[in-house]
Amino acid sequence: MSTRDERIALNNASGPENSGLTPEPHPAPAWPDLGPHDEAARAAVAGIAALLGRPIPEKETEPRTASEWLARTWKVNEAVLETVSRPVSPVLHLLYGFVLGRWIAAHADEVTQRGPERRAPQMARLDLGSGTGVTVPTAGTVLFPAGTRDEQPVAIETGYQFGDPFLTAHAMPGHRDVAERALDALSADLAADHPYRGRTLQAAAPGRLTIKPVTPTPQGRADLVLPREVWHEVDLFCAGVTTRRDTLRALGHSTSRGLLLAGPPGVGKTKLARVIATELKGTLTVVLVTADVLRTWMTELYEEVRTLGPCLVVLEEIDSVGGKDSRGSTSFGEFLDALDGARTTDDVLTVATTNDPGSLDPAVKRPGRFDTILEVPPPDAEGRKAILDLYLPPRAGVDTGLVSSFLDGATGADLREVARRSLLEHGADELTTDQVLDIATSGRWKPAPVAGNYL
């Protein structure tokens, strides 16, 4: 026997199978940190190990999706998770994030959060007005253990799919009701404590519909001179959601109404709408609507209004979307559909203005869309005097009745400009009737191009 054969025989004789000992299994080697080229290095090492007959098990990858992460956490098959998804608007996406942030804060020591695609959770700022705001989750998954939000564990996922926001609840197999309850609870909590309710909001559309709190200048009735019958109609309109609300509802009437303010430019339509908004703010949420929303996002706007409780929507100068020449356009149809949709929700008041009600399509003015068309007339002689008294210094002793007699047909905006021009030319201390009368009759208060050559 050769020396090599002797070594082999000796080794075999002293091996575990001959010694009566059980061979110890070789532990699977742990993966070291292979630096910036981890994946390539890992593949090379694994290939060499396989050639030597010692294959290394692949390293478990991090889960990419919320459902994959939850399936591993709950130790169940991903395919049998109970998942309930609901599309949400961009506005509601932030507001649901506001509620979800409160839930997280209430169970801060118990929840687990995970971002999308192995990243950290994404956050965005929710504007609360007056320069304040709060950071809310907009993309990520929050796992609430059993005993926090429900007897069973539940996870809330928020994020975007193809650019559109969504909200999803995940629950254990056989507990779809837990997922449904979680989403319903989010909606209920938002309805119970909406951060925008009772405030003045601006609806704009810089690409998509946005709604943010604003601080408007308060307007009171003392700042606006109108006939008594106009104020009476305004009070009847507001009563639908104030003093007469319960009576209307008890008898099966809708408390949603529409008021169309009509009249030439300068008679005070916009100011009247702002007076209504000032008086109802707090009792109602006030939404001031820009022209771009009026043309494109009316359906979405009234969908958002449903979450704001009793609401006043102010639409200025609807001639551009509701005129007779607009019939057949997409904007015209959506505008009518939005007005009709407002009636499916109680406690929504809509105030709109138009310079020429005759130019509006009859479909816009029919009952059920605008219950009242209120003509706001130019002031009469008594009204003109009252407006001049409002804008001229009382100590000057100007005979405003005389001046107003020369301004028949002038609007409130015209009279305010007469007063302003008089103060600019003569000041307040030595202002006389003759000076104001000269300005009123000369027409210098009217806008006119200035003659001259300019570079």
Protein backbone atom coordinates (compact mmCIF):
# COMPACT_ATOMS: atom_id res chain seq x y z
CA MET A 1 0.00 0.00 0.00
CA SER A 2 1.36 3.40 -0.92
CA THR A 3 1.85 6.20 1.54
CA ARG A 4 -1.14 8.09 0.02
CA ASP A 5 -3.39 5.00 0.40
CA GLU A 6 -2.29 4.63 4.00
CA ARG A 7 -3.29 8.25 4.78
CA ILE A 8 -6.70 7.73 3.25
CA ALA A 9 -7.26 4.52 5.22
CA LEU A 10 -6.20 6.21 8.43
CA ASN A 11 -8.52 9.11 7.87
CA ASN A 12 -11.43 6.81 7.11
CA ALA A 13 -10.75 4.75 10.21
CA SER A 14 -10.73 7.80 12.44
CA GLY A 15 -13.78 9.47 10.81
CA PRO A 16 -17.03 10.13 12.61
CA GLU A 17 -18.75 7.10 11.13
CA ASN A 18 -16.10 4.83 12.59
CA SER A 19 -15.75 6.65 15.89
CA GLY A 20 -19.44 6.32 16.73
CA LEU A 21 -19.89 10.15 16.72
CA THR A 22 -22.61 11.97 14.75
CA PRO A 23 -21.13 14.47 12.26
CA GLU A 24 -21.95 18.07 13.04
CA PRO A 25 -23.65 19.90 10.17
CA HIS A 26 -21.76 22.79 8.70
CA PRO A 27 -23.64 26.08 9.50
CA ALA A 28 -24.64 28.17 6.51
CA PRO A 29 -22.14 31.00 6.26
CA ALA A 30 -23.46 34.49 6.96
CA TRP A 31 -23.10 37.11 4.27
CA PRO A 32 -20.50 39.75 5.11
CA ASP A 33 -20.77 43.40 4.13
CA LEU A 34 -19.26 43.41 0.65
CA GLY A 35 -19.16 47.17 0.22
CA PRO A 36 -20.44 49.30 -2.66
CA HIS A 37 -20.52 46.37 -5.14
CA ASP A 38 -22.49 44.10 -2.87
CA GLU A 39 -24.71 42.44 -5.48
CA ALA A 40 -21.91 41.70 -7.96
CA ALA A 41 -19.58 40.41 -5.25
CA ARG A 42 -22.31 38.27 -3.77
CA ALA A 43 -23.03 36.68 -7.16
CA ALA A 44 -19.33 35.91 -7.68
CA VAL A 45 -18.89 34.34 -4.24
CA ALA A 46 -22.06 32.31 -4.63
CA GLY A 47 -20.86 31.02 -8.01
CA ILE A 48 -17.50 29.90 -6.61
CA ALA A 49 -19.20 28.23 -3.63
CA ALA A 50 -21.52 26.34 -5.96
CA LEU A 51 -18.56 25.06 -8.01
CA LEU A 52 -16.95 23.75 -4.80
CA GLY A 53 -20.15 21.90 -3.88
CA ARG A 54 -21.07 24.25 -1.02
CA PRO A 55 -23.92 26.45 -2.42
CA ILE A 56 -24.75 29.48 -0.30
CA PRO A 57 -28.45 30.28 0.19
CA GLU A 58 -29.56 33.51 -1.40
CA LYS A 59 -29.94 36.51 0.88
CA GLU A 60 -33.59 37.39 1.53
CA THR A 61 -34.41 40.66 -0.23
CA GLU A 62 -36.25 43.52 1.38
CA PRO A 63 -39.98 43.57 0.51
CA ARG A 64 -40.86 46.12 -2.15
CA THR A 65 -44.59 46.48 -1.60
CA ALA A 66 -46.78 47.07 1.44
CA SER A 67 -48.62 43.78 0.96
CA GLU A 68 -45.34 41.83 0.70
CA TRP A 69 -44.06 43.45 3.90
CA LEU A 70 -47.32 42.77 5.76
CA ALA A 71 -47.45 39.14 4.56
CA ARG A 72 -43.99 38.53 6.01
CA THR A 73 -44.81 40.38 9.21
CA TRP A 74 -48.05 38.45 9.74
CA LYS A 75 -46.51 35.19 8.37
CA VAL A 76 -49.29 34.61 5.86
CA ASN A 77 -49.49 34.20 2.11
CA GLU A 78 -49.57 37.59 0.41
CA ALA A 79 -52.34 36.44 -1.93
CA VAL A 80 -54.85 35.95 0.91
CA LEU A 81 -54.46 39.35 2.57
CA GLU A 82 -57.71 41.34 2.81
CA THR A 83 -57.23 44.62 0.94
CA VAL A 84 -59.74 47.48 0.49
CA SER A 85 -58.75 50.44 -1.71
CA ARG A 86 -60.53 53.73 -2.31
CA PRO A 87 -59.49 56.45 -4.76
CA VAL A 88 -59.30 59.92 -3.20
CA SER A 89 -58.94 63.43 -4.56
CA PRO A 90 -55.67 65.38 -4.11
CA VAL A 91 -57.43 67.60 -1.55
CA LEU A 92 -58.78 64.65 0.46
CA HIS A 93 -55.44 62.88 0.18
CA LEU A 94 -53.82 65.56 2.36
CA LEU A 95 -56.80 65.74 4.70
CA TYR A 96 -56.85 61.97 5.26
CA GLY A 97 -53.12 62.27 5.90
CA PHE A 98 -53.98 64.83 8.59
CA VAL A 99 -56.24 62.28 10.34
CA LEU A 100 -53.74 59.45 9.85
CA GLY A 101 -51.05 61.63 11.43
CA ARG A 102 -53.24 61.99 14.51
CA TRP A 103 -53.71 58.23 14.67
CA ILE A 104 -49.95 57.73 14.49
CA ALA A 105 -49.37 60.27 17.27
CA ALA A 106 -51.97 58.54 19.46
CA HIS A 107 -50.12 55.18 19.16
CA ALA A 108 -46.58 56.45 18.57
CA ASP A 109 -44.90 53.73 20.64
CA GLU A 110 -46.79 50.87 19.00
CA VAL A 111 -47.11 51.55 15.28
CA THR A 112 -44.60 50.56 12.62
CA GLN A 113 -44.16 52.68 9.49
CA ARG A 114 -42.67 51.81 6.14
CA GLY A 115 -42.23 53.86 2.98
CA PRO A 116 -42.88 52.81 -0.62
CA GLU A 117 -40.26 50.95 -2.68
CA ARG A 118 -37.90 50.43 0.30
CA ARG A 119 -37.74 54.18 0.93
CA ALA A 120 -38.71 56.24 3.96
CA PRO A 121 -42.35 57.37 4.29
CA GLN A 122 -43.07 60.54 2.29
CA MET A 123 -44.60 63.63 3.88
CA ALA A 124 -46.23 66.84 2.62
CA ARG A 125 -47.41 70.09 4.17
CA LEU A 126 -51.10 70.75 4.78
CA ASP A 127 -51.78 74.50 4.81
CA LEU A 128 -53.93 75.49 7.80
CA GLY A 129 -53.95 79.22 6.98
CA SER A 130 -52.47 82.28 8.68
CA GLY A 131 -48.98 81.01 7.90
CA THR A 132 -49.46 77.78 9.84
CA GLY A 133 -49.40 74.21 8.62
CA VAL A 134 -48.75 70.62 9.59
CA THR A 135 -46.74 67.82 8.00
CA VAL A 136 -48.86 64.81 7.04
CA PRO A 137 -48.03 61.38 5.55
CA THR A 138 -48.75 61.08 1.82
CA ALA A 139 -46.90 57.90 0.77
CA GLY A 140 -46.22 54.98 3.08
CA THR A 141 -47.82 52.25 5.17
CA VAL A 142 -48.64 52.38 8.88
CA LEU A 143 -49.18 49.11 10.76
CA PHE A 144 -51.45 49.37 13.80
CA PRO A 145 -51.10 46.26 16.01
CA ALA A 146 -54.09 44.45 17.47
CA GLY A 147 -55.69 46.43 20.26
CA THR A 148 -54.82 49.88 18.91
CA ARG A 149 -57.30 50.76 16.16
CA ASP A 150 -59.14 47.40 16.23
CA GLU A 151 -59.10 44.05 17.95
CA GLN A 152 -57.27 42.74 14.90
CA PRO A 153 -54.14 44.30 13.35
CA VAL A 154 -54.75 46.67 10.45
CA ALA A 155 -52.47 48.65 8.15
CA ILE A 156 -53.27 51.90 6.35
CA GLU A 157 -51.42 52.57 3.10
CA THR A 158 -51.48 55.97 1.40
CA GLY A 159 -49.74 56.87 -1.83
CA TYR A 160 -50.01 57.44 -5.57
CA GLN A 161 -50.71 55.14 -8.50
CA PHE A 162 -50.09 56.56 -11.97
CA GLY A 163 -50.10 60.00 -10.39
CA ASP A 164 -53.49 59.61 -8.72
CA PRO A 165 -53.69 59.40 -4.91
CA PHE A 166 -55.23 56.39 -3.21
CA LEU A 167 -55.98 55.08 0.26
CA THR A 168 -55.83 51.36 1.13
CA ALA A 169 -56.47 49.32 4.26
CA HIS A 170 -54.89 45.86 4.70
CA ALA A 171 -56.08 43.23 7.18
CA MET A 172 -55.41 39.59 8.04
CA PRO A 173 -57.07 36.84 5.97
CA GLY A 174 -60.78 36.56 6.73
CA HIS A 175 -60.99 40.04 8.28
CA ARG A 176 -62.09 42.27 5.41
CA ASP A 177 -64.49 43.97 7.81
CA VAL A 178 -61.47 45.26 9.76
CA ALA A 179 -60.10 46.96 6.63
CA GLU A 180 -63.52 48.46 5.82
CA ARG A 181 -63.91 49.76 9.39
CA ALA A 182 -60.49 51.41 9.28
CA LEU A 183 -61.31 53.43 6.16
CA ASP A 184 -64.76 54.32 7.49
CA ALA A 185 -63.15 55.49 10.73
CA LEU A 186 -60.78 57.78 8.81
CA SER A 187 -63.76 59.37 7.04
CA ALA A 188 -65.73 59.67 10.29
CA ASP A 189 -62.82 61.31 12.12
CA LEU A 190 -62.36 63.82 9.30
CA ALA A 191 -66.08 64.61 9.28
CA ALA A 192 -66.08 65.08 13.05
CA ASP A 193 -63.06 67.41 13.17
CA HIS A 194 -62.34 68.86 9.74
CA PRO A 195 -59.48 71.40 9.92
CA TYR A 196 -61.15 73.59 7.25
CA ARG A 197 -64.70 73.58 8.55
CA GLY A 198 -66.20 76.99 9.36
CA ARG A 199 -63.39 78.87 7.63
CA THR A 200 -62.98 80.87 4.42
CA LEU A 201 -61.27 78.86 1.67
CA GLN A 202 -59.96 79.66 -1.79
CA ALA A 203 -60.58 77.08 -4.51
CA ALA A 204 -58.02 77.40 -7.31
CA ALA A 205 -56.72 75.16 -10.07
CA PRO A 206 -52.98 75.45 -10.76
CA GLY A 207 -53.15 72.26 -12.82
CA ARG A 208 -55.37 70.44 -10.31
CA LEU A 209 -58.04 71.55 -7.88
CA THR A 210 -56.64 72.92 -4.62
CA ILE A 211 -58.49 74.28 -1.60
CA LYS A 212 -56.63 76.36 0.99
CA PRO A 213 -57.63 78.68 3.84
CA VAL A 214 -57.44 82.43 3.20
CA THR A 215 -58.00 85.52 5.33
CA PRO A 216 -60.51 87.74 3.51
CA THR A 217 -61.26 91.36 4.35
CA PRO A 218 -64.52 91.43 6.35
CA GLN A 219 -67.43 93.26 4.69
CA GLY A 220 -70.44 94.55 6.60
CA ARG A 221 -73.85 95.80 5.53
CA ALA A 222 -72.95 99.31 6.67
CA ASP A 223 -70.35 99.40 3.87
CA LEU A 224 -72.91 98.74 1.14
CA VAL A 225 -75.94 100.89 0.26
CA LEU A 226 -78.72 98.78 -1.29
CA PRO A 227 -82.52 98.93 -1.38
CA ARG A 228 -84.36 97.31 1.51
CA GLU A 229 -85.96 94.68 -0.74
CA VAL A 230 -82.53 93.45 -1.83
CA TRP A 231 -81.51 92.83 1.80
CA HIS A 232 -84.84 91.09 2.39
CA GLU A 233 -84.17 88.58 -0.41
CA VAL A 234 -80.65 88.01 0.90
CA ASP A 235 -82.04 87.23 4.36
CA LEU A 236 -84.54 84.74 2.90
CA PHE A 237 -81.74 83.04 0.99
CA CYS A 238 -79.56 82.67 4.08
CA ALA A 239 -82.48 81.44 6.20
CA GLY A 240 -82.37 78.11 4.35
CA VAL A 241 -79.36 77.05 6.44
CA THR A 242 -79.87 79.28 9.49
CA THR A 243 -83.22 80.17 11.06
CA ARG A 244 -85.45 78.03 8.77
CA ARG A 245 -83.17 75.03 8.31
CA ASP A 246 -84.94 72.66 10.71
CA THR A 247 -88.39 73.63 9.42
CA LEU A 248 -87.43 72.94 5.82
CA ARG A 249 -85.85 69.58 6.63
CA ALA A 250 -88.80 68.45 8.76
CA LEU A 251 -91.13 69.00 5.80
CA GLY A 252 -88.88 67.30 3.28
CA HIS A 253 -87.49 70.41 1.58
CA SER A 254 -83.89 70.78 0.47
CA THR A 255 -81.82 73.30 2.41
CA SER A 256 -79.50 73.81 -0.56
CA ARG A 257 -80.27 76.94 -2.56
CA GLY A 258 -78.84 79.08 -5.35
CA LEU A 259 -78.85 82.89 -5.57
CA LEU A 260 -77.88 84.71 -8.77
CA LEU A 261 -76.90 88.37 -8.31
CA ALA A 262 -77.44 90.27 -11.56
CA GLY A 263 -76.61 93.81 -12.56
CA PRO A 264 -74.16 96.01 -14.48
CA PRO A 265 -70.55 96.34 -13.30
CA GLY A 266 -70.04 98.55 -10.27
CA VAL A 267 -73.41 98.15 -8.56
CA GLY A 268 -71.97 96.08 -5.69
CA LYS A 269 -72.62 92.44 -6.65
CA THR A 270 -69.19 91.22 -5.58
CA LYS A 271 -69.31 93.27 -2.40
CA LEU A 272 -72.76 91.89 -1.58
CA ALA A 273 -71.46 88.33 -2.03
CA ARG A 274 -68.63 89.17 0.37
CA VAL A 275 -71.06 90.60 2.91
CA ILE A 276 -73.02 87.32 2.78
CA ALA A 277 -69.75 85.39 3.18
CA THR A 278 -68.72 87.50 6.18
CA GLU A 279 -72.07 87.01 7.91
CA LEU A 280 -72.16 83.24 7.36
CA LYS A 281 -68.50 82.45 8.07
CA GLY A 282 -68.25 80.17 11.08
CA THR A 283 -71.81 78.94 10.74
CA LEU A 284 -70.89 77.82 7.22
CA THR A 285 -67.63 77.07 5.47
CA VAL A 286 -67.12 79.70 2.76
CA VAL A 287 -65.48 78.67 -0.54
CA LEU A 288 -64.39 81.45 -2.92
CA VAL A 289 -64.02 80.06 -6.44
CA THR A 290 -61.58 81.33 -9.07
CA ALA A 291 -62.36 81.49 -12.80
CA ASP A 292 -60.14 78.51 -13.69
CA VAL A 293 -62.11 76.27 -11.30
CA LEU A 294 -65.36 77.62 -12.75
CA ARG A 295 -64.34 76.52 -16.24
CA THR A 296 -62.79 73.14 -15.46
CA TRP A 297 -63.25 71.73 -11.96
CA MET A 298 -66.82 72.43 -10.87
CA THR A 299 -67.81 68.77 -10.51
CA GLU A 300 -64.75 68.06 -8.37
CA LEU A 301 -65.38 71.21 -6.33
CA TYR A 302 -68.86 70.16 -5.25
CA GLU A 303 -67.56 66.69 -4.42
CA GLU A 304 -65.08 68.30 -2.03
CA VAL A 305 -67.82 70.51 -0.57
CA ARG A 306 -69.60 67.39 0.73
CA THR A 307 -66.90 66.95 3.37
CA LEU A 308 -67.04 70.54 4.64
CA GLY A 309 -70.46 70.51 6.32
CA PRO A 310 -72.81 73.46 5.73
CA CYS A 311 -71.15 75.46 3.01
CA LEU A 312 -71.41 78.69 0.98
CA VAL A 313 -69.90 78.58 -2.52
CA VAL A 314 -69.24 81.97 -4.17
CA LEU A 315 -68.95 82.00 -7.99
CA GLU A 316 -68.10 85.34 -9.57
CA GLU A 317 -69.06 86.29 -13.14
CA ILE A 318 -70.43 83.02 -14.47
CA ASP A 319 -71.05 84.62 -17.89
CA SER A 320 -67.88 83.00 -19.27
CA VAL A 321 -69.13 79.46 -18.62
CA GLY A 322 -72.93 79.83 -18.52
CA GLY A 323 -73.56 82.06 -21.55
CA LYS A 324 -75.77 81.10 -24.47
CA ASP A 325 -72.74 80.74 -26.73
CA SER A 326 -71.29 78.18 -24.28
CA ARG A 327 -74.04 75.62 -24.86
CA GLY A 328 -72.60 72.35 -26.10
CA SER A 329 -69.17 72.90 -24.59
CA THR A 330 -67.72 70.52 -22.02
CA SER A 331 -67.43 73.32 -19.46
CA PHE A 332 -71.11 74.23 -19.88
CA GLY A 333 -72.28 70.66 -19.34
CA GLU A 334 -70.04 70.16 -16.31
CA PHE A 335 -71.21 73.45 -14.84
CA LEU A 336 -74.88 72.40 -15.04
CA ASP A 337 -74.09 68.94 -13.69
CA ALA A 338 -72.25 70.50 -10.75
CA LEU A 339 -75.19 72.79 -9.92
CA ASP A 340 -77.53 69.79 -10.04
CA GLY A 341 -75.14 67.76 -7.90
CA ALA A 342 -75.14 70.47 -5.25
CA ARG A 343 -78.82 69.69 -4.61
CA THR A 344 -78.04 66.11 -3.65
CA THR A 345 -76.34 67.41 -0.49
CA ASP A 346 -78.13 69.49 2.12
CA ASP A 347 -76.86 72.79 3.49
CA VAL A 348 -75.03 74.03 0.38
CA LEU A 349 -75.69 77.64 -0.63
CA THR A 350 -74.40 78.89 -3.98
CA VAL A 351 -74.07 82.60 -4.75
CA ALA A 352 -73.13 83.59 -8.30
CA THR A 353 -72.81 86.94 -10.05
CA THR A 354 -73.49 87.99 -13.64
CA ASN A 355 -73.25 91.32 -15.43
CA ASP A 356 -75.97 90.41 -17.91
CA PRO A 357 -78.57 87.80 -16.95
CA GLY A 358 -80.02 88.01 -20.46
CA SER A 359 -76.80 86.57 -21.87
CA LEU A 360 -77.03 83.43 -19.74
CA ASP A 361 -78.45 80.24 -21.20
CA PRO A 362 -81.99 79.56 -19.91
CA ALA A 363 -80.81 76.18 -18.61
CA VAL A 364 -78.57 77.98 -16.12
CA LYS A 365 -81.37 80.15 -14.75
CA ARG A 366 -84.06 77.53 -14.34
CA PRO A 367 -85.45 76.85 -10.82
CA GLY A 368 -83.53 74.12 -9.04
CA ARG A 369 -80.19 75.60 -10.09
CA PHE A 370 -80.76 79.19 -9.04
CA ASP A 371 -83.92 79.62 -6.98
CA THR A 372 -83.68 83.41 -6.96
CA ILE A 373 -82.35 85.85 -9.54
CA LEU A 374 -81.83 89.08 -7.63
CA GLU A 375 -81.39 92.29 -9.60
CA VAL A 376 -78.91 94.63 -7.93
CA PRO A 377 -79.85 98.05 -9.39
CA PRO A 378 -77.80 101.22 -9.65
CA PRO A 379 -78.58 103.46 -6.66
CA ASP A 380 -81.46 105.93 -6.80
CA ALA A 381 -81.08 109.57 -5.69
CA GLU A 382 -81.40 108.65 -2.01
CA GLY A 383 -78.93 105.82 -2.45
CA ARG A 384 -76.43 108.03 -4.30
CA LYS A 385 -76.55 110.56 -1.47
CA ALA A 386 -76.00 107.81 1.11
CA ILE A 387 -72.98 106.49 -0.80
CA LEU A 388 -71.40 109.95 -1.07
CA ASP A 389 -72.02 110.45 2.67
CA LEU A 390 -70.19 107.19 3.26
CA TYR A 391 -67.06 108.13 1.29
CA LEU A 392 -66.79 111.92 1.88
CA PRO A 393 -65.65 113.39 5.23
CA PRO A 394 -68.74 114.43 7.20
CA ARG A 395 -67.07 117.53 8.62
CA ALA A 396 -66.63 119.03 5.14
CA GLY A 397 -70.33 119.85 4.95
CA VAL A 398 -70.63 118.94 1.26
CA ASP A 399 -74.21 119.05 -0.02
CA THR A 400 -74.20 115.43 -1.16
CA GLY A 401 -77.87 115.61 -2.15
CA LEU A 402 -77.08 118.33 -4.68
CA VAL A 403 -74.04 116.52 -6.03
CA SER A 404 -75.95 113.24 -6.38
CA SER A 405 -78.65 114.96 -8.46
CA PHE A 406 -76.02 115.51 -11.17
CA LEU A 407 -74.95 111.86 -11.14
CA ASP A 408 -78.11 110.08 -12.25
CA GLY A 409 -77.29 106.54 -13.41
CA ALA A 410 -73.95 106.39 -11.58
CA THR A 411 -73.09 103.14 -9.85
CA GLY A 412 -71.71 102.75 -6.37
CA ALA A 413 -68.23 102.29 -7.86
CA ASP A 414 -68.67 105.55 -9.84
CA LEU A 415 -69.69 107.50 -6.73
CA ARG A 416 -66.79 106.15 -4.73
CA GLU A 417 -64.43 107.31 -7.48
CA VAL A 418 -65.98 110.82 -7.45
CA ALA A 419 -65.31 111.00 -3.71
CA ARG A 420 -61.77 109.65 -4.07
CA ARG A 421 -60.93 112.10 -6.89
CA SER A 422 -62.23 114.98 -4.79
CA LEU A 423 -60.02 114.00 -1.86
CA LEU A 424 -56.99 113.58 -4.13
CA GLU A 425 -57.41 117.03 -5.70
CA HIS A 426 -58.48 119.06 -2.68
CA GLY A 427 -57.84 117.06 0.50
CA ALA A 428 -60.33 116.60 3.33
CA ASP A 429 -59.91 119.82 5.33
CA GLU A 430 -61.19 122.44 2.86
CA LEU A 431 -63.41 120.37 0.59
CA THR A 432 -66.47 122.30 -0.64
CA THR A 433 -69.67 121.45 -2.45
CA ASP A 434 -68.54 123.41 -5.51
CA GLN A 435 -65.29 121.47 -5.74
CA VAL A 436 -67.03 118.10 -5.57
CA LEU A 437 -69.73 119.28 -7.98
CA ASP A 438 -67.05 120.42 -10.44
CA ILE A 439 -65.43 117.01 -10.40
CA ALA A 440 -68.78 115.23 -10.68
CA THR A 441 -69.95 117.24 -13.72
CA SER A 442 -66.59 117.46 -15.49
CA GLY A 443 -66.22 113.72 -15.77
CA ARG A 444 -62.61 113.83 -14.56
CA TRP A 445 -63.40 110.88 -12.30
CA LYS A 446 -64.02 108.61 -15.27
CA PRO A 447 -61.13 106.45 -16.53
CA ALA A 448 -59.61 107.98 -19.68
CA PRO A 449 -56.31 107.63 -21.56
CA VAL A 450 -53.75 110.29 -20.68
CA ALA A 451 -52.57 112.30 -23.69
CA GLY A 452 -48.82 112.40 -24.26
CA ASN A 453 -45.86 110.66 -25.84
CA TYR A 454 -43.91 108.04 -23.94
CA LEU A 455 -40.85 106.03 -24.70
